Amino acid sequence: MKLLKLADVSRIFGFSRTSIYEQIRDGVFTKPIKVGPKTSRWPDFEVEQIIKARISGKTTKQIRALITSLHASRDSL
């Protein structure tokens, strides 16, 4: 597993920092993982799953369910 910086996630999606955090607030993007006092990262496999869901045309409701599932699965890592 690789952990991605905000700049990486922003580049991959073409979204600004603000847009990413708005999507997190709206429940359609995973929250970052704190890896230090001022450092957050996103697991690459979560970002990949979000991309696949969007490409396949999943609804907002389905993406929210995916995000909930991804957050829940963090406990088992």
N, C-alpha and C. Protein backbone atom coordinates (compact mmCIF):
# COMPACT_ATOMS: atom_id res chain seq x y z
N MET A 1 0.85 -1.18 0.00
CA MET A 1 0.00 0.00 0.00
C MET A 1 0.89 1.24 0.00
N LYS A 2 0.49 2.19 -0.81
CA LYS A 2 1.20 3.46 -0.89
C LYS A 2 0.28 4.55 -0.34
N LEU A 3 0.86 5.50 0.36
CA LEU A 3 0.08 6.62 0.89
C LEU A 3 0.35 7.85 0.04
N LEU A 4 -0.72 8.50 -0.38
CA LEU A 4 -0.62 9.63 -1.29
C LEU A 4 -0.78 10.95 -0.54
N LYS A 5 0.01 11.94 -0.94
CA LYS A 5 -0.10 13.29 -0.40
C LYS A 5 -1.29 13.99 -1.03
N LEU A 6 -1.74 15.06 -0.39
CA LEU A 6 -2.85 15.85 -0.92
C LEU A 6 -2.53 16.33 -2.34
N ALA A 7 -1.29 16.75 -2.58
CA ALA A 7 -0.91 17.21 -3.91
C ALA A 7 -1.08 16.11 -4.95
N ASP A 8 -0.76 14.87 -4.57
CA ASP A 8 -0.93 13.73 -5.48
C ASP A 8 -2.40 13.50 -5.79
N VAL A 9 -3.23 13.51 -4.75
CA VAL A 9 -4.66 13.28 -4.92
C VAL A 9 -5.26 14.41 -5.77
N SER A 10 -4.84 15.62 -5.51
CA SER A 10 -5.31 16.77 -6.28
C SER A 10 -4.94 16.63 -7.76
N ARG A 11 -3.73 16.20 -8.03
CA ARG A 11 -3.27 16.02 -9.40
C ARG A 11 -4.03 14.90 -10.10
N ILE A 12 -4.22 13.79 -9.40
CA ILE A 12 -4.92 12.63 -9.98
C ILE A 12 -6.35 13.00 -10.38
N PHE A 13 -7.05 13.71 -9.51
CA PHE A 13 -8.45 14.04 -9.76
C PHE A 13 -8.64 15.35 -10.50
N GLY A 14 -7.62 16.21 -10.48
CA GLY A 14 -7.77 17.52 -11.10
C GLY A 14 -8.62 18.46 -10.26
N PHE A 15 -8.69 18.18 -8.96
CA PHE A 15 -9.47 19.00 -8.03
C PHE A 15 -8.52 19.81 -7.16
N SER A 16 -8.99 20.97 -6.74
CA SER A 16 -8.22 21.78 -5.80
C SER A 16 -8.31 21.17 -4.40
N ARG A 17 -7.46 21.63 -3.53
CA ARG A 17 -7.47 21.20 -2.13
C ARG A 17 -8.85 21.44 -1.54
N THR A 18 -9.39 22.63 -1.78
CA THR A 18 -10.70 22.99 -1.26
C THR A 18 -11.78 22.04 -1.76
N SER A 19 -11.74 21.71 -3.05
CA SER A 19 -12.74 20.79 -3.62
C SER A 19 -12.67 19.41 -2.99
N ILE A 20 -11.46 18.94 -2.74
CA ILE A 20 -11.30 17.62 -2.12
C ILE A 20 -11.93 17.63 -0.72
N TYR A 21 -11.64 18.67 0.06
CA TYR A 21 -12.19 18.72 1.40
C TYR A 21 -13.71 18.96 1.39
N GLU A 22 -14.24 19.63 0.38
CA GLU A 22 -15.69 19.76 0.25
C GLU A 22 -16.31 18.39 -0.04
N GLN A 23 -15.65 17.60 -0.88
CA GLN A 23 -16.15 16.26 -1.18
C GLN A 23 -16.10 15.36 0.05
N ILE A 24 -15.07 15.51 0.86
CA ILE A 24 -14.98 14.76 2.12
C ILE A 24 -16.17 15.15 3.00
N ARG A 25 -16.42 16.43 3.12
CA ARG A 25 -17.55 16.92 3.93
C ARG A 25 -18.88 16.38 3.41
N ASP A 26 -19.00 16.25 2.08
CA ASP A 26 -20.23 15.76 1.47
C ASP A 26 -20.33 14.23 1.47
N GLY A 27 -19.28 13.56 1.95
CA GLY A 27 -19.32 12.11 2.07
C GLY A 27 -19.03 11.35 0.80
N VAL A 28 -18.44 12.02 -0.20
CA VAL A 28 -18.14 11.36 -1.47
C VAL A 28 -16.64 11.20 -1.72
N PHE A 29 -15.85 11.38 -0.67
CA PHE A 29 -14.40 11.16 -0.74
C PHE A 29 -13.94 10.75 0.64
N THR A 30 -12.96 9.86 0.70
CA THR A 30 -12.48 9.38 2.00
C THR A 30 -11.72 10.46 2.76
N LYS A 31 -11.81 10.37 4.06
CA LYS A 31 -11.04 11.26 4.93
C LYS A 31 -9.59 10.81 4.89
N PRO A 32 -8.67 11.75 5.05
CA PRO A 32 -7.26 11.35 5.08
C PRO A 32 -6.93 10.65 6.40
N ILE A 33 -5.82 9.95 6.37
CA ILE A 33 -5.30 9.29 7.56
C ILE A 33 -4.19 10.17 8.12
N LYS A 34 -4.27 10.47 9.42
CA LYS A 34 -3.21 11.25 10.06
C LYS A 34 -2.00 10.35 10.28
N VAL A 35 -0.86 10.75 9.74
CA VAL A 35 0.36 9.97 9.92
C VAL A 35 1.40 10.76 10.72
N GLY A 36 1.04 11.93 11.14
CA GLY A 36 1.90 12.78 11.94
C GLY A 36 1.09 13.97 12.41
N PRO A 37 1.68 14.82 13.26
CA PRO A 37 0.94 15.96 13.80
C PRO A 37 0.41 16.91 12.73
N LYS A 38 1.15 17.06 11.65
CA LYS A 38 0.72 17.97 10.58
C LYS A 38 0.73 17.28 9.22
N THR A 39 0.61 15.95 9.24
CA THR A 39 0.73 15.18 8.01
C THR A 39 -0.45 14.23 7.85
N SER A 40 -1.10 14.33 6.68
CA SER A 40 -2.21 13.43 6.34
C SER A 40 -1.94 12.80 4.99
N ARG A 41 -2.44 11.58 4.81
CA ARG A 41 -2.25 10.85 3.55
C ARG A 41 -3.50 10.05 3.24
N TRP A 42 -3.64 9.67 1.96
CA TRP A 42 -4.73 8.82 1.49
C TRP A 42 -4.16 7.51 0.97
N PRO A 43 -4.70 6.37 1.38
CA PRO A 43 -4.27 5.09 0.82
C PRO A 43 -4.57 5.05 -0.68
N ASP A 44 -3.59 4.63 -1.46
CA ASP A 44 -3.75 4.62 -2.92
C ASP A 44 -4.90 3.73 -3.37
N PHE A 45 -5.12 2.61 -2.68
CA PHE A 45 -6.19 1.70 -3.11
C PHE A 45 -7.56 2.33 -2.90
N GLU A 46 -7.72 3.19 -1.90
CA GLU A 46 -8.98 3.88 -1.71
C GLU A 46 -9.23 4.88 -2.84
N VAL A 47 -8.20 5.62 -3.18
CA VAL A 47 -8.30 6.58 -4.29
C VAL A 47 -8.64 5.85 -5.58
N GLU A 48 -8.01 4.71 -5.80
CA GLU A 48 -8.28 3.91 -7.00
C GLU A 48 -9.74 3.44 -7.04
N GLN A 49 -10.26 3.01 -5.91
CA GLN A 49 -11.65 2.54 -5.87
C GLN A 49 -12.63 3.68 -6.14
N ILE A 50 -12.32 4.87 -5.66
CA ILE A 50 -13.18 6.02 -5.92
C ILE A 50 -13.17 6.35 -7.41
N ILE A 51 -12.00 6.32 -8.01
CA ILE A 51 -11.87 6.57 -9.45
C ILE A 51 -12.72 5.56 -10.23
N LYS A 52 -12.57 4.28 -9.91
CA LYS A 52 -13.32 3.24 -10.62
C LYS A 52 -14.82 3.44 -10.46
N ALA A 53 -15.26 3.82 -9.27
CA ALA A 53 -16.69 4.04 -9.03
C ALA A 53 -17.21 5.19 -9.87
N ARG A 54 -16.44 6.24 -9.97
CA ARG A 54 -16.87 7.40 -10.75
C ARG A 54 -16.87 7.09 -12.24
N ILE A 55 -15.84 6.39 -12.70
CA ILE A 55 -15.77 6.02 -14.11
C ILE A 55 -16.94 5.12 -14.50
N SER A 56 -17.30 4.21 -13.61
CA SER A 56 -18.38 3.26 -13.92
C SER A 56 -19.77 3.88 -13.78
N GLY A 57 -19.83 5.15 -13.38
CA GLY A 57 -21.11 5.84 -13.33
C GLY A 57 -21.93 5.61 -12.08
N LYS A 58 -21.26 5.23 -10.99
CA LYS A 58 -21.99 5.02 -9.74
C LYS A 58 -22.69 6.31 -9.32
N THR A 59 -23.83 6.16 -8.68
CA THR A 59 -24.58 7.32 -8.19
C THR A 59 -23.89 7.89 -6.95
N THR A 60 -24.29 9.09 -6.59
CA THR A 60 -23.76 9.71 -5.36
C THR A 60 -24.05 8.82 -4.16
N LYS A 61 -25.25 8.26 -4.11
CA LYS A 61 -25.62 7.37 -3.00
C LYS A 61 -24.70 6.15 -2.96
N GLN A 62 -24.39 5.56 -4.11
CA GLN A 62 -23.50 4.41 -4.18
C GLN A 62 -22.07 4.78 -3.78
N ILE A 63 -21.63 5.96 -4.17
CA ILE A 63 -20.28 6.40 -3.79
C ILE A 63 -20.21 6.65 -2.30
N ARG A 64 -21.25 7.22 -1.73
CA ARG A 64 -21.28 7.42 -0.27
C ARG A 64 -21.19 6.08 0.46
N ALA A 65 -21.90 5.08 -0.07
CA ALA A 65 -21.84 3.74 0.53
C ALA A 65 -20.43 3.17 0.43
N LEU A 66 -19.77 3.39 -0.71
CA LEU A 66 -18.39 2.95 -0.88
C LEU A 66 -17.47 3.63 0.13
N ILE A 67 -17.63 4.92 0.30
CA ILE A 67 -16.79 5.68 1.25
C ILE A 67 -16.99 5.14 2.66
N THR A 68 -18.23 4.89 3.04
CA THR A 68 -18.53 4.33 4.37
C THR A 68 -17.84 2.98 4.53
N SER A 69 -17.90 2.16 3.50
CA SER A 69 -17.26 0.85 3.52
C SER A 69 -15.74 0.96 3.63
N LEU A 70 -15.16 1.89 2.89
CA LEU A 70 -13.70 2.08 2.94
C LEU A 70 -13.26 2.55 4.32
N HIS A 71 -14.01 3.48 4.90
CA HIS A 71 -13.67 3.94 6.25
C HIS A 71 -13.78 2.79 7.26
N ALA A 72 -14.81 1.97 7.14
CA ALA A 72 -15.00 0.84 8.05
C ALA A 72 -13.88 -0.19 7.91
N SER A 73 -13.41 -0.38 6.68
CA SER A 73 -12.37 -1.39 6.46
C SER A 73 -11.01 -0.96 7.00
N ARG A 74 -10.83 0.32 7.29
CA ARG A 74 -9.56 0.79 7.86
C ARG A 74 -9.30 0.14 9.22
N ASP A 75 -10.36 -0.18 9.93
CA ASP A 75 -10.21 -0.78 11.25
C ASP A 75 -9.58 -2.17 11.17
N SER A 76 -9.71 -2.84 10.02
CA SER A 76 -9.20 -4.19 9.91
C SER A 76 -7.79 -4.25 9.30
N LEU A 77 -7.21 -3.08 8.99
CA LEU A 77 -5.87 -3.08 8.40
C LEU A 77 -4.79 -3.38 9.40
